[in-house]
Amino acid sequence: MAARRLLIIMLVLLGISSVIAIVVPEPRRDDPGSGESVTGATGATSATGATSATGPTGDTGDSGKMVASQTGVEHRTVDLEAKQMSRVRAEAGSRMILTVKSSQGSDVEIEGLGLAGFADPYAPAVFDVIMPGEPGRYVVRAPGDRPSAVIITSS
């Protein structure tokens, strides 16, 4: 009797899960956010590497730039341990995906934007940022450390 009751419960659960699988739509594969997680207000970070941007840092300290697959989105990469502070230029009100690399595990914050994350050698901190509409300067650093980069927005 108990075995029959258990079998009925299992069949009901199988039926319910089949109906849910049919009703719930499949995720869109062309969604620009799929395959990539970025830092939000929570500070959670991760990225697939396929969409992360790594560019060379020149002698001037300007960060590398990669042409984004989406128009109007700039991808920039900075290194927390760089000897010279990087300058990242952006248009006020524009969208930027900023990747912050670190050879040691470290918290990362962007002062003035209220964003924080964590970067280590295996997973950089990735920030998807809509820059404020007015010109300004936003420092990227490990808490209590010297600035590693500054984002300069202009109109």
Protein backbone atom coordinates (compact mmCIF):
# COMPACT_ATOMS: atom_id res chain seq x y z
CA MET A 1 0.00 0.00 0.00
CA ALA A 2 2.80 2.47 0.94
CA ALA A 3 4.69 1.57 -2.24
CA ARG A 4 1.60 2.26 -4.37
CA ARG A 5 1.05 5.62 -2.65
CA LEU A 6 4.73 6.54 -3.23
CA LEU A 7 4.41 5.58 -6.92
CA ILE A 8 1.33 7.80 -7.31
CA ILE A 9 3.11 10.75 -5.66
CA MET A 10 6.12 10.28 -7.95
CA LEU A 11 3.90 10.18 -11.05
CA VAL A 12 2.07 13.34 -9.97
CA LEU A 13 5.39 15.15 -9.43
CA LEU A 14 6.63 13.96 -12.83
CA GLY A 15 3.48 15.30 -14.45
CA ILE A 16 3.77 18.66 -12.72
CA SER A 17 7.43 19.06 -13.72
CA SER A 18 6.59 18.13 -17.33
CA VAL A 19 3.86 20.79 -17.47
CA ILE A 20 6.24 23.40 -16.02
CA ALA A 21 8.91 22.47 -18.59
CA ILE A 22 6.40 23.01 -21.40
CA VAL A 23 4.96 26.27 -20.05
CA VAL A 24 8.20 28.07 -19.08
CA PRO A 25 9.87 29.65 -22.15
CA GLU A 26 13.43 28.76 -23.10
CA PRO A 27 16.01 31.47 -22.44
CA ARG A 28 16.90 33.49 -25.53
CA ARG A 29 20.40 32.70 -26.77
CA ASP A 30 20.78 36.12 -28.40
CA ASP A 31 20.18 37.95 -25.13
CA PRO A 32 23.18 40.31 -24.70
CA GLY A 33 23.38 39.46 -20.99
CA SER A 34 23.47 35.68 -21.37
CA GLY A 35 26.75 33.98 -20.50
CA GLU A 36 27.99 36.89 -18.49
CA SER A 37 27.35 38.06 -14.95
CA VAL A 38 28.32 41.53 -13.93
CA THR A 39 28.51 43.43 -10.73
CA GLY A 40 25.40 45.15 -9.52
CA ALA A 41 24.55 46.69 -6.21
CA THR A 42 25.25 43.36 -4.48
CA GLY A 43 28.89 43.19 -5.53
CA ALA A 44 28.64 39.66 -6.97
CA THR A 45 31.08 39.04 -9.81
CA SER A 46 31.84 36.50 -12.50
CA ALA A 47 32.48 36.41 -16.22
CA THR A 48 32.89 33.79 -18.92
CA GLY A 49 36.01 35.24 -20.46
CA ALA A 50 34.44 35.13 -23.91
CA THR A 51 33.08 38.61 -23.51
CA SER A 52 35.66 40.08 -21.15
CA ALA A 53 37.84 42.77 -22.61
CA THR A 54 41.55 42.82 -22.07
CA GLY A 55 43.53 45.56 -23.65
CA PRO A 56 47.12 46.64 -23.28
CA THR A 57 47.97 49.37 -20.85
CA GLY A 58 50.18 51.90 -22.57
CA ASP A 59 52.94 54.03 -21.12
CA THR A 60 50.47 56.88 -20.67
CA GLY A 61 48.39 54.79 -18.28
CA ASP A 62 45.37 54.82 -20.59
CA SER A 63 43.48 51.57 -20.34
CA GLY A 64 43.02 49.33 -23.39
CA LYS A 65 39.77 49.52 -25.31
CA MET A 66 37.91 46.74 -27.10
CA VAL A 67 35.21 47.40 -29.64
CA ALA A 68 31.97 46.18 -28.10
CA SER A 69 29.60 43.84 -29.87
CA GLN A 70 26.79 46.17 -28.81
CA THR A 71 26.86 49.70 -30.12
CA GLY A 72 27.39 52.33 -27.47
CA VAL A 73 28.95 49.94 -24.94
CA GLU A 74 32.62 50.32 -24.13
CA HIS A 75 34.64 47.50 -22.57
CA ARG A 76 37.63 48.57 -20.48
CA THR A 77 40.08 46.62 -18.35
CA VAL A 78 42.23 47.91 -15.49
CA ASP A 79 44.72 46.17 -13.20
CA LEU A 80 44.63 46.80 -9.44
CA GLU A 81 48.39 46.22 -9.13
CA ALA A 82 49.45 48.46 -12.03
CA LYS A 83 52.44 50.66 -11.20
CA GLN A 84 50.84 53.66 -12.86
CA MET A 85 47.24 54.78 -12.38
CA SER A 86 45.12 54.19 -15.49
CA ARG A 87 42.86 56.87 -16.87
CA VAL A 88 39.62 55.62 -18.38
CA ARG A 89 37.67 58.15 -20.41
CA ALA A 90 33.91 57.84 -20.94
CA GLU A 91 31.04 59.96 -22.16
CA ALA A 92 28.64 61.13 -19.45
CA GLY A 93 25.50 58.97 -19.59
CA SER A 94 27.20 56.19 -21.57
CA ARG A 95 27.35 52.49 -20.69
CA MET A 96 30.68 50.90 -19.81
CA ILE A 97 31.64 47.38 -18.83
CA LEU A 98 34.70 47.72 -16.62
CA THR A 99 36.78 44.63 -15.83
CA VAL A 100 39.16 44.94 -12.86
CA LYS A 101 41.94 42.34 -12.66
CA SER A 102 43.95 41.44 -9.58
CA SER A 103 46.78 38.94 -9.10
CA GLN A 104 45.79 38.65 -5.43
CA GLY A 105 42.29 38.43 -4.03
CA SER A 106 41.03 41.90 -3.26
CA ASP A 107 37.86 43.89 -2.78
CA VAL A 108 37.32 46.54 -5.43
CA GLU A 109 35.26 49.71 -5.18
CA ILE A 110 34.34 52.51 -7.55
CA GLU A 111 34.07 55.59 -5.37
CA GLY A 112 31.23 57.93 -6.18
CA LEU A 113 29.16 55.26 -7.94
CA GLY A 114 28.50 53.07 -4.90
CA LEU A 115 29.76 49.90 -6.59
CA ALA A 116 31.90 47.19 -4.99
CA GLY A 117 33.08 43.74 -6.02
CA PHE A 118 35.83 41.19 -5.58
CA ALA A 119 38.67 40.33 -7.96
CA ASP A 120 41.17 37.48 -7.83
CA PRO A 121 43.50 35.80 -10.36
CA TYR A 122 40.72 33.47 -11.55
CA ALA A 123 37.72 35.82 -11.66
CA PRO A 124 38.07 39.56 -12.22
CA ALA A 125 35.51 42.00 -10.87
CA VAL A 126 33.19 43.06 -13.69
CA PHE A 127 31.07 46.21 -13.42
CA ASP A 128 28.29 47.05 -15.89
CA VAL A 129 27.93 50.79 -15.35
CA ILE A 130 25.68 53.50 -16.75
CA MET A 131 27.80 56.57 -16.15
CA PRO A 132 26.09 59.56 -14.51
CA GLY A 133 24.78 62.23 -16.86
CA GLU A 134 27.12 64.95 -15.65
CA PRO A 135 30.94 65.10 -15.99
CA GLY A 136 32.92 63.68 -13.07
CA ARG A 137 35.81 61.57 -11.78
CA TYR A 138 35.34 58.14 -10.19
CA VAL A 139 38.25 56.40 -8.50
CA VAL A 140 38.73 52.62 -8.80
CA ARG A 141 40.71 51.10 -5.92
CA ALA A 142 41.03 48.39 -3.33
CA PRO A 143 39.65 49.78 -0.04
CA GLY A 144 42.39 51.63 1.86
CA ASP A 145 44.84 51.33 -1.06
CA ARG A 146 46.07 53.87 -3.58
CA PRO A 147 43.88 54.51 -6.64
CA SER A 148 44.46 52.02 -9.47
CA ALA A 149 42.39 53.88 -12.05
CA VAL A 150 40.18 56.89 -12.45
CA ILE A 151 37.14 57.04 -14.72
CA ILE A 152 36.82 60.51 -16.20
CA THR A 153 33.45 61.37 -17.72
CA SER A 154 32.87 64.32 -20.00
CA SER A 155 29.85 65.59 -21.87
